[in-house]
Amino acid sequence: MVDSPDSLPTCQAELDTTGLYCPEPIMLMHNKVRDMASGEVLKVVASDPATTRDVPKFCSFLGHELLAQEERDGHYLYYIRLG
């Protein structure tokens, strides 16, 4: 996983789930990755603290790589490379 915000990966798509709560962020992620190719990077912005648990499980279960995860100003940011 990337440790420094300066080394965050370039993303090909972004999904803003701010204001949504479980299970909606994960459902929207499922829909978004269907439109993307393997190896592309998706940036997800969320406000639901449950995503800190759900996004890593989503990645592990579906074979995606969680490149970076951070909390910034009450939002959670995730960078996911599709498997």
PDB file of N, CA and C in Angstrom:
ATOM      1  N   MET A   1       0.837  -1.164   0.000  1.00  0.00           N
ATOM      2  CA  MET A   1       0.000   0.000   0.000  1.00  0.00           C
ATOM      3  C   MET A   1       0.890   1.237   0.000  1.00  0.00           C
ATOM      4  N   VAL A   2       0.417   2.299  -0.621  1.00  0.00           N
ATOM      5  CA  VAL A   2       1.155   3.548  -0.692  1.00  0.00           C
ATOM      6  C   VAL A   2       1.096   4.224   0.666  1.00  0.00           C
ATOM      7  N   ASP A   3       2.241   4.698   1.163  1.00  0.00           N
ATOM      8  CA  ASP A   3       2.285   5.304   2.479  1.00  0.00           C
ATOM      9  C   ASP A   3       2.185   6.825   2.454  1.00  0.00           C
ATOM     10  N   SER A   4       2.640   7.450   1.383  1.00  0.00           N
ATOM     11  CA  SER A   4       2.724   8.893   1.327  1.00  0.00           C
ATOM     12  C   SER A   4       1.691   9.476   0.370  1.00  0.00           C
ATOM     13  N   PRO A   5       0.997  10.557   0.777  1.00  0.00           N
ATOM     14  CA  PRO A   5       0.038  11.189  -0.132  1.00  0.00           C
ATOM     15  C   PRO A   5       0.703  11.716  -1.404  1.00  0.00           C
ATOM     16  N   ASP A   6       2.007  12.002  -1.332  1.00  0.00           N
ATOM     17  CA  ASP A   6       2.730  12.491  -2.505  1.00  0.00           C
ATOM     18  C   ASP A   6       2.883  11.406  -3.559  1.00  0.00           C
ATOM     19  N   SER A   7       2.759  10.145  -3.162  1.00  0.00           N
ATOM     20  CA  SER A   7       2.969   9.056  -4.104  1.00  0.00           C
ATOM     21  C   SER A   7       1.664   8.337  -4.459  1.00  0.00           C
ATOM     22  N   LEU A   8       0.539   9.052  -4.320  1.00  0.00           N
ATOM     23  CA  LEU A   8      -0.744   8.444  -4.661  1.00  0.00           C
ATOM     24  C   LEU A   8      -0.804   8.168  -6.156  1.00  0.00           C
ATOM     25  N   PRO A   9      -1.406   7.055  -6.521  1.00  0.00           N
ATOM     26  CA  PRO A   9      -1.441   6.662  -7.933  1.00  0.00           C
ATOM     27  C   PRO A   9      -2.384   7.525  -8.759  1.00  0.00           C
ATOM     28  N   THR A  10      -2.123   7.579 -10.044  1.00  0.00           N
ATOM     29  CA  THR A  10      -3.033   8.225 -10.982  1.00  0.00           C
ATOM     30  C   THR A  10      -4.245   7.322 -11.137  1.00  0.00           C
ATOM     31  N   CYS A  11      -5.430   7.909 -11.092  1.00  0.00           N
ATOM     32  CA  CYS A  11      -6.631   7.079 -11.216  1.00  0.00           C
ATOM     33  C   CYS A  11      -7.330   7.344 -12.547  1.00  0.00           C
ATOM     34  N   GLN A  12      -7.931   6.298 -13.076  1.00  0.00           N
ATOM     35  CA  GLN A  12      -8.652   6.388 -14.337  1.00  0.00           C
ATOM     36  C   GLN A  12     -10.129   6.734 -14.120  1.00  0.00           C
ATOM     37  N   ALA A  13     -10.624   6.539 -12.892  1.00  0.00           N
ATOM     38  CA  ALA A  13     -12.022   6.840 -12.581  1.00  0.00           C
ATOM     39  C   ALA A  13     -12.134   7.214 -11.111  1.00  0.00           C
ATOM     40  N   GLU A  14     -13.167   7.997 -10.801  1.00  0.00           N
ATOM     41  CA  GLU A  14     -13.417   8.401  -9.422  1.00  0.00           C
ATOM     42  C   GLU A  14     -14.892   8.180  -9.110  1.00  0.00           C
ATOM     43  N   LEU A  15     -15.148   7.718  -7.893  1.00  0.00           N
ATOM     44  CA  LEU A  15     -16.503   7.474  -7.430  1.00  0.00           C
ATOM     45  C   LEU A  15     -16.691   8.195  -6.100  1.00  0.00           C
ATOM     46  N   ASP A  16     -17.629   9.135  -6.049  1.00  0.00           N
ATOM     47  CA  ASP A  16     -17.912   9.887  -4.829  1.00  0.00           C
ATOM     48  C   ASP A  16     -19.173   9.318  -4.186  1.00  0.00           C
ATOM     49  N   THR A  17     -18.998   8.690  -3.029  1.00  0.00           N
ATOM     50  CA  THR A  17     -20.133   8.109  -2.311  1.00  0.00           C
ATOM     51  C   THR A  17     -20.442   8.905  -1.042  1.00  0.00           C
ATOM     52  N   THR A  18     -19.987  10.141  -0.993  1.00  0.00           N
ATOM     53  CA  THR A  18     -20.211  11.000   0.165  1.00  0.00           C
ATOM     54  C   THR A  18     -21.702  11.111   0.468  1.00  0.00           C
ATOM     55  N   GLY A  19     -22.050  10.936   1.736  1.00  0.00           N
ATOM     56  CA  GLY A  19     -23.435  11.032   2.162  1.00  0.00           C
ATOM     57  C   GLY A  19     -24.195   9.718   2.104  1.00  0.00           C
ATOM     58  N   LEU A  20     -23.582   8.688   1.545  1.00  0.00           N
ATOM     59  CA  LEU A  20     -24.225   7.381   1.449  1.00  0.00           C
ATOM     60  C   LEU A  20     -23.709   6.460   2.551  1.00  0.00           C
ATOM     61  N   TYR A  21     -24.555   5.547   2.981  1.00  0.00           N
ATOM     62  CA  TYR A  21     -24.198   4.620   4.055  1.00  0.00           C
ATOM     63  C   TYR A  21     -24.362   3.185   3.590  1.00  0.00           C
ATOM     64  N   CYS A  22     -23.684   2.291   4.299  1.00  0.00           N
ATOM     65  CA  CYS A  22     -23.683   0.870   4.002  1.00  0.00           C
ATOM     66  C   CYS A  22     -25.105   0.397   3.755  1.00  0.00           C
ATOM     67  N   PRO A  23     -25.329  -0.323   2.679  1.00  0.00           N
ATOM     68  CA  PRO A  23     -24.392  -0.939   1.746  1.00  0.00           C
ATOM     69  C   PRO A  23     -24.187  -0.159   0.439  1.00  0.00           C
ATOM     70  N   GLU A  24     -24.742   1.058   0.356  1.00  0.00           N
ATOM     71  CA  GLU A  24     -24.718   1.787  -0.918  1.00  0.00           C
ATOM     72  C   GLU A  24     -23.317   2.032  -1.490  1.00  0.00           C
ATOM     73  N   PRO A  25     -22.314   2.450  -0.704  1.00  0.00           N
ATOM     74  CA  PRO A  25     -20.990   2.670  -1.312  1.00  0.00           C
ATOM     75  C   PRO A  25     -20.441   1.414  -1.999  1.00  0.00           C
ATOM     76  N   ILE A  26     -20.607   0.267  -1.376  1.00  0.00           N
ATOM     77  CA  ILE A  26     -20.090  -0.972  -1.961  1.00  0.00           C
ATOM     78  C   ILE A  26     -20.896  -1.368  -3.194  1.00  0.00           C
ATOM     79  N   MET A  27     -22.187  -1.155  -3.167  1.00  0.00           N
ATOM     80  CA  MET A  27     -23.008  -1.457  -4.341  1.00  0.00           C
ATOM     81  C   MET A  27     -22.595  -0.585  -5.532  1.00  0.00           C
ATOM     82  N   LEU A  28     -22.346   0.698  -5.283  1.00  0.00           N
ATOM     83  CA  LEU A  28     -21.911   1.590  -6.354  1.00  0.00           C
ATOM     84  C   LEU A  28     -20.514   1.210  -6.862  1.00  0.00           C
ATOM     85  N   MET A  29     -19.655   0.752  -5.955  1.00  0.00           N
ATOM     86  CA  MET A  29     -18.323   0.293  -6.373  1.00  0.00           C
ATOM     87  C   MET A  29     -18.446  -0.911  -7.297  1.00  0.00           C
ATOM     88  N   HIS A  30     -19.317  -1.846  -6.954  1.00  0.00           N
ATOM     89  CA  HIS A  30     -19.539  -3.019  -7.814  1.00  0.00           C
ATOM     90  C   HIS A  30     -19.931  -2.573  -9.224  1.00  0.00           C
ATOM     91  N   ASN A  31     -20.853  -1.636  -9.311  1.00  0.00           N
ATOM     92  CA  ASN A  31     -21.299  -1.147 -10.621  1.00  0.00           C
ATOM     93  C   ASN A  31     -20.174  -0.438 -11.368  1.00  0.00           C
ATOM     94  N   LYS A  32     -19.386   0.356 -10.667  1.00  0.00           N
ATOM     95  CA  LYS A  32     -18.319   1.137 -11.312  1.00  0.00           C
ATOM     96  C   LYS A  32     -17.224   0.230 -11.866  1.00  0.00           C
ATOM     97  N   VAL A  33     -16.799  -0.779 -11.117  1.00  0.00           N
ATOM     98  CA  VAL A  33     -15.702  -1.627 -11.584  1.00  0.00           C
ATOM     99  C   VAL A  33     -16.101  -2.462 -12.793  1.00  0.00           C
ATOM    100  N   ARG A  34     -17.389  -2.676 -12.990  1.00  0.00           N
ATOM    101  CA  ARG A  34     -17.839  -3.410 -14.182  1.00  0.00           C
ATOM    102  C   ARG A  34     -17.515  -2.656 -15.467  1.00  0.00           C
ATOM    103  N   ASP A  35     -17.441  -1.325 -15.371  1.00  0.00           N
ATOM    104  CA  ASP A  35     -17.158  -0.482 -16.536  1.00  0.00           C
ATOM    105  C   ASP A  35     -15.669  -0.227 -16.727  1.00  0.00           C
ATOM    106  N   MET A  36     -14.838  -0.818 -15.882  1.00  0.00           N
ATOM    107  CA  MET A  36     -13.401  -0.567 -15.926  1.00  0.00           C
ATOM    108  C   MET A  36     -12.644  -1.833 -16.317  1.00  0.00           C
ATOM    109  N   ALA A  37     -11.392  -1.639 -16.728  1.00  0.00           N
ATOM    110  CA  ALA A  37     -10.553  -2.763 -17.142  1.00  0.00           C
ATOM    111  C   ALA A  37      -9.591  -3.156 -16.026  1.00  0.00           C
ATOM    112  N   SER A  38      -9.153  -4.383 -16.066  1.00  0.00           N
ATOM    113  CA  SER A  38      -8.161  -4.874 -15.119  1.00  0.00           C
ATOM    114  C   SER A  38      -6.913  -3.986 -15.190  1.00  0.00           C
ATOM    115  N   GLY A  39      -6.363  -3.643 -14.039  1.00  0.00           N
ATOM    116  CA  GLY A  39      -5.166  -2.813 -13.970  1.00  0.00           C
ATOM    117  C   GLY A  39      -5.458  -1.333 -13.810  1.00  0.00           C
ATOM    118  N   GLU A  40      -6.677  -0.906 -14.096  1.00  0.00           N
ATOM    119  CA  GLU A  40      -7.034   0.500 -13.916  1.00  0.00           C
ATOM    120  C   GLU A  40      -7.221   0.797 -12.431  1.00  0.00           C
ATOM    121  N   VAL A  41      -7.087   2.083 -12.081  1.00  0.00           N
ATOM    122  CA  VAL A  41      -7.188   2.496 -10.683  1.00  0.00           C
ATOM    123  C   VAL A  41      -8.453   3.322 -10.480  1.00  0.00           C
ATOM    124  N   LEU A  42      -9.214   2.949  -9.463  1.00  0.00           N
ATOM    125  CA  LEU A  42     -10.429   3.645  -9.070  1.00  0.00           C
ATOM    126  C   LEU A  42     -10.180   4.372  -7.756  1.00  0.00           C
ATOM    127  N   LYS A  43     -10.514   5.662  -7.728  1.00  0.00           N
ATOM    128  CA  LYS A  43     -10.465   6.431  -6.486  1.00  0.00           C
ATOM    129  C   LYS A  43     -11.883   6.501  -5.946  1.00  0.00           C
ATOM    130  N   VAL A  44     -12.047   6.150  -4.678  1.00  0.00           N
ATOM    131  CA  VAL A  44     -13.354   6.194  -4.030  1.00  0.00           C
ATOM    132  C   VAL A  44     -13.283   7.187  -2.877  1.00  0.00           C
ATOM    133  N   VAL A  45     -14.253   8.083  -2.820  1.00  0.00           N
ATOM    134  CA  VAL A  45     -14.382   9.040  -1.726  1.00  0.00           C
ATOM    135  C   VAL A  45     -15.648   8.668  -0.968  1.00  0.00           C
ATOM    136  N   ALA A  46     -15.534   8.539   0.349  1.00  0.00           N
ATOM    137  CA  ALA A  46     -16.674   8.125   1.163  1.00  0.00           C
ATOM    138  C   ALA A  46     -16.722   8.932   2.454  1.00  0.00           C
ATOM    139  N   SER A  47     -17.901   8.986   3.052  1.00  0.00           N
ATOM    140  CA  SER A  47     -18.047   9.631   4.353  1.00  0.00           C
ATOM    141  C   SER A  47     -18.477   8.639   5.437  1.00  0.00           C
ATOM    142  N   ASP A  48     -18.843   7.444   5.033  1.00  0.00           N
ATOM    143  CA  ASP A  48     -19.300   6.415   5.971  1.00  0.00           C
ATOM    144  C   ASP A  48     -18.105   5.705   6.603  1.00  0.00           C
ATOM    145  N   PRO A  49     -17.952   5.794   7.932  1.00  0.00           N
ATOM    146  CA  PRO A  49     -16.831   5.120   8.591  1.00  0.00           C
ATOM    147  C   PRO A  49     -16.821   3.603   8.371  1.00  0.00           C
ATOM    148  N   ALA A  50     -17.954   3.006   8.068  1.00  0.00           N
ATOM    149  CA  ALA A  50     -18.006   1.562   7.829  1.00  0.00           C
ATOM    150  C   ALA A  50     -17.190   1.164   6.605  1.00  0.00           C
ATOM    151  N   THR A  51     -16.899   2.119   5.716  1.00  0.00           N
ATOM    152  CA  THR A  51     -16.103   1.784   4.532  1.00  0.00           C
ATOM    153  C   THR A  51     -14.682   1.385   4.907  1.00  0.00           C
ATOM    154  N   THR A  52     -14.207   1.807   6.077  1.00  0.00           N
ATOM    155  CA  THR A  52     -12.856   1.404   6.489  1.00  0.00           C
ATOM    156  C   THR A  52     -12.770  -0.099   6.694  1.00  0.00           C
ATOM    157  N   ARG A  53     -13.885  -0.718   6.941  1.00  0.00           N
ATOM    158  CA  ARG A  53     -13.965  -2.175   7.052  1.00  0.00           C
ATOM    159  C   ARG A  53     -14.395  -2.804   5.724  1.00  0.00           C
ATOM    160  N   ASP A  54     -15.385  -2.189   5.084  1.00  0.00           N
ATOM    161  CA  ASP A  54     -16.005  -2.787   3.905  1.00  0.00           C
ATOM    162  C   ASP A  54     -15.135  -2.742   2.650  1.00  0.00           C
ATOM    163  N   VAL A  55     -14.429  -1.648   2.422  1.00  0.00           N
ATOM    164  CA  VAL A  55     -13.629  -1.527   1.195  1.00  0.00           C
ATOM    165  C   VAL A  55     -12.476  -2.539   1.166  1.00  0.00           C
ATOM    166  N   PRO A  56     -11.696  -2.688   2.249  1.00  0.00           N
ATOM    167  CA  PRO A  56     -10.656  -3.722   2.214  1.00  0.00           C
ATOM    168  C   PRO A  56     -11.217  -5.132   1.990  1.00  0.00           C
ATOM    169  N   LYS A  57     -12.376  -5.432   2.593  1.00  0.00           N
ATOM    170  CA  LYS A  57     -13.003  -6.748   2.378  1.00  0.00           C
ATOM    171  C   LYS A  57     -13.461  -6.899   0.931  1.00  0.00           C
ATOM    172  N   PHE A  58     -14.014  -5.844   0.358  1.00  0.00           N
ATOM    173  CA  PHE A  58     -14.431  -5.831  -1.048  1.00  0.00           C
ATOM    174  C   PHE A  58     -13.241  -6.163  -1.939  1.00  0.00           C
ATOM    175  N   CYS A  59     -12.115  -5.503  -1.690  1.00  0.00           N
ATOM    176  CA  CYS A  59     -10.905  -5.725  -2.495  1.00  0.00           C
ATOM    177  C   CYS A  59     -10.396  -7.154  -2.343  1.00  0.00           C
ATOM    178  N   SER A  60     -10.305  -7.614  -1.120  1.00  0.00           N
ATOM    179  CA  SER A  60      -9.800  -8.958  -0.858  1.00  0.00           C
ATOM    180  C   SER A  60     -10.684 -10.027  -1.499  1.00  0.00           C
ATOM    181  N   PHE A  61     -11.974  -9.875  -1.357  1.00  0.00           N
ATOM    182  CA  PHE A  61     -12.923 -10.868  -1.862  1.00  0.00           C
ATOM    183  C   PHE A  61     -12.922 -10.933  -3.387  1.00  0.00           C
ATOM    184  N   LEU A  62     -12.762  -9.759  -4.048  1.00  0.00           N
ATOM    185  CA  LEU A  62     -12.857  -9.712  -5.504  1.00  0.00           C
ATOM    186  C   LEU A  62     -11.506  -9.689  -6.216  1.00  0.00           C
ATOM    187  N   GLY A  63     -10.414  -9.741  -5.450  1.00  0.00           N
ATOM    188  CA  GLY A  63      -9.092  -9.815  -6.067  1.00  0.00           C
ATOM    189  C   GLY A  63      -8.542  -8.487  -6.551  1.00  0.00           C
ATOM    190  N   HIS A  64      -9.010  -7.382  -5.973  1.00  0.00           N
ATOM    191  CA  HIS A  64      -8.486  -6.069  -6.302  1.00  0.00           C
ATOM    192  C   HIS A  64      -7.411  -5.704  -5.280  1.00  0.00           C
ATOM    193  N   GLU A  65      -6.541  -4.762  -5.652  1.00  0.00           N
ATOM    194  CA  GLU A  65      -5.464  -4.339  -4.764  1.00  0.00           C
ATOM    195  C   GLU A  65      -5.780  -2.968  -4.184  1.00  0.00           C
ATOM    196  N   LEU A  66      -5.833  -2.876  -2.867  1.00  0.00           N
ATOM    197  CA  LEU A  66      -6.035  -1.595  -2.196  1.00  0.00           C
ATOM    198  C   LEU A  66      -4.675  -0.906  -2.120  1.00  0.00           C
ATOM    199  N   LEU A  67      -4.470   0.083  -2.983  1.00  0.00           N
ATOM    200  CA  LEU A  67      -3.176   0.751  -3.082  1.00  0.00           C
ATOM    201  C   LEU A  67      -2.959   1.752  -1.957  1.00  0.00           C
ATOM    202  N   ALA A  68      -4.008   2.458  -1.569  1.00  0.00           N
ATOM    203  CA  ALA A  68      -3.891   3.480  -0.521  1.00  0.00           C
ATOM    204  C   ALA A  68      -5.246   3.681   0.125  1.00  0.00           C
ATOM    205  N   GLN A  69      -5.188   4.028   1.400  1.00  0.00           N
ATOM    206  CA  GLN A  69      -6.394   4.297   2.180  1.00  0.00           C
ATOM    207  C   GLN A  69      -6.034   5.385   3.164  1.00  0.00           C
ATOM    208  N   GLU A  70      -6.825   6.465   3.223  1.00  0.00           N
ATOM    209  CA  GLU A  70      -6.539   7.523   4.176  1.00  0.00           C
ATOM    210  C   GLU A  70      -7.805   8.259   4.565  1.00  0.00           C
ATOM    211  N   GLU A  71      -7.747   8.932   5.693  1.00  0.00           N
ATOM    212  CA  GLU A  71      -8.842   9.781   6.136  1.00  0.00           C
ATOM    213  C   GLU A  71      -8.368  11.218   6.038  1.00  0.00           C
ATOM    214  N   ARG A  72      -9.200  12.062   5.419  1.00  0.00           N
ATOM    215  CA  ARG A  72      -8.827  13.462   5.249  1.00  0.00           C
ATOM    216  C   ARG A  72     -10.084  14.320   5.403  1.00  0.00           C
ATOM    217  N   ASP A  73     -10.071  15.212   6.382  1.00  0.00           N
ATOM    218  CA  ASP A  73     -11.171  16.153   6.597  1.00  0.00           C
ATOM    219  C   ASP A  73     -12.538  15.467   6.692  1.00  0.00           C
ATOM    220  N   GLY A  74     -12.606  14.368   7.420  1.00  0.00           N
ATOM    221  CA  GLY A  74     -13.866  13.671   7.607  1.00  0.00           C
ATOM    222  C   GLY A  74     -14.301  12.798   6.441  1.00  0.00           C
ATOM    223  N   HIS A  75     -13.444  12.667   5.442  1.00  0.00           N
ATOM    224  CA  HIS A  75     -13.728  11.800   4.299  1.00  0.00           C
ATOM    225  C   HIS A  75     -12.686  10.686   4.250  1.00  0.00           C
ATOM    226  N   TYR A  76     -13.102   9.578   3.686  1.00  0.00           N
ATOM    227  CA  TYR A  76     -12.219   8.425   3.536  1.00  0.00           C
ATOM    228  C   TYR A  76     -11.904   8.277   2.050  1.00  0.00           C
ATOM    229  N   LEU A  77     -10.622   8.161   1.746  1.00  0.00           N
ATOM    230  CA  LEU A  77     -10.173   8.033   0.354  1.00  0.00           C
ATOM    231  C   LEU A  77      -9.546   6.656   0.155  1.00  0.00           C
ATOM    232  N   TYR A  78      -9.913   6.038  -0.949  1.00  0.00           N
ATOM    233  CA  TYR A  78      -9.385   4.717  -1.284  1.00  0.00           C
ATOM    234  C   TYR A  78      -8.922   4.716  -2.744  1.00  0.00           C
ATOM    235  N   TYR A  79      -7.778   4.110  -2.977  1.00  0.00           N
ATOM    236  CA  TYR A  79      -7.257   3.928  -4.340  1.00  0.00           C
ATOM    237  C   TYR A  79      -7.151   2.430  -4.574  1.00  0.00           C
ATOM    238  N   ILE A  80      -7.894   1.939  -5.558  1.00  0.00           N
ATOM    239  CA  ILE A  80      -8.031   0.506  -5.789  1.00  0.00           C
ATOM    240  C   ILE A  80      -7.594   0.169  -7.208  1.00  0.00           C
ATOM    241  N   ARG A  81      -6.606  -0.739  -7.329  1.00  0.00           N
ATOM    242  CA  ARG A  81      -6.220  -1.245  -8.659  1.00  0.00           C
ATOM    243  C   ARG A  81      -7.033  -2.504  -8.924  1.00  0.00           C
ATOM    244  N   LEU A  82      -7.757  -2.495 -10.017  1.00  0.00           N
ATOM    245  CA  LEU A  82      -8.612  -3.628 -10.349  1.00  0.00           C
ATOM    246  C   LEU A  82      -7.814  -4.843 -10.753  1.00  0.00           C
ATOM    247  N   GLY A  83      -8.238  -5.988 -10.229  1.00  0.00           N
ATOM    248  CA  GLY A  83      -7.571  -7.252 -10.511  1.00  0.00           C
ATOM    249  C   GLY A  83      -8.067  -7.879 -11.800  1.00  0.00           C
TER     250      GLY A  83
END
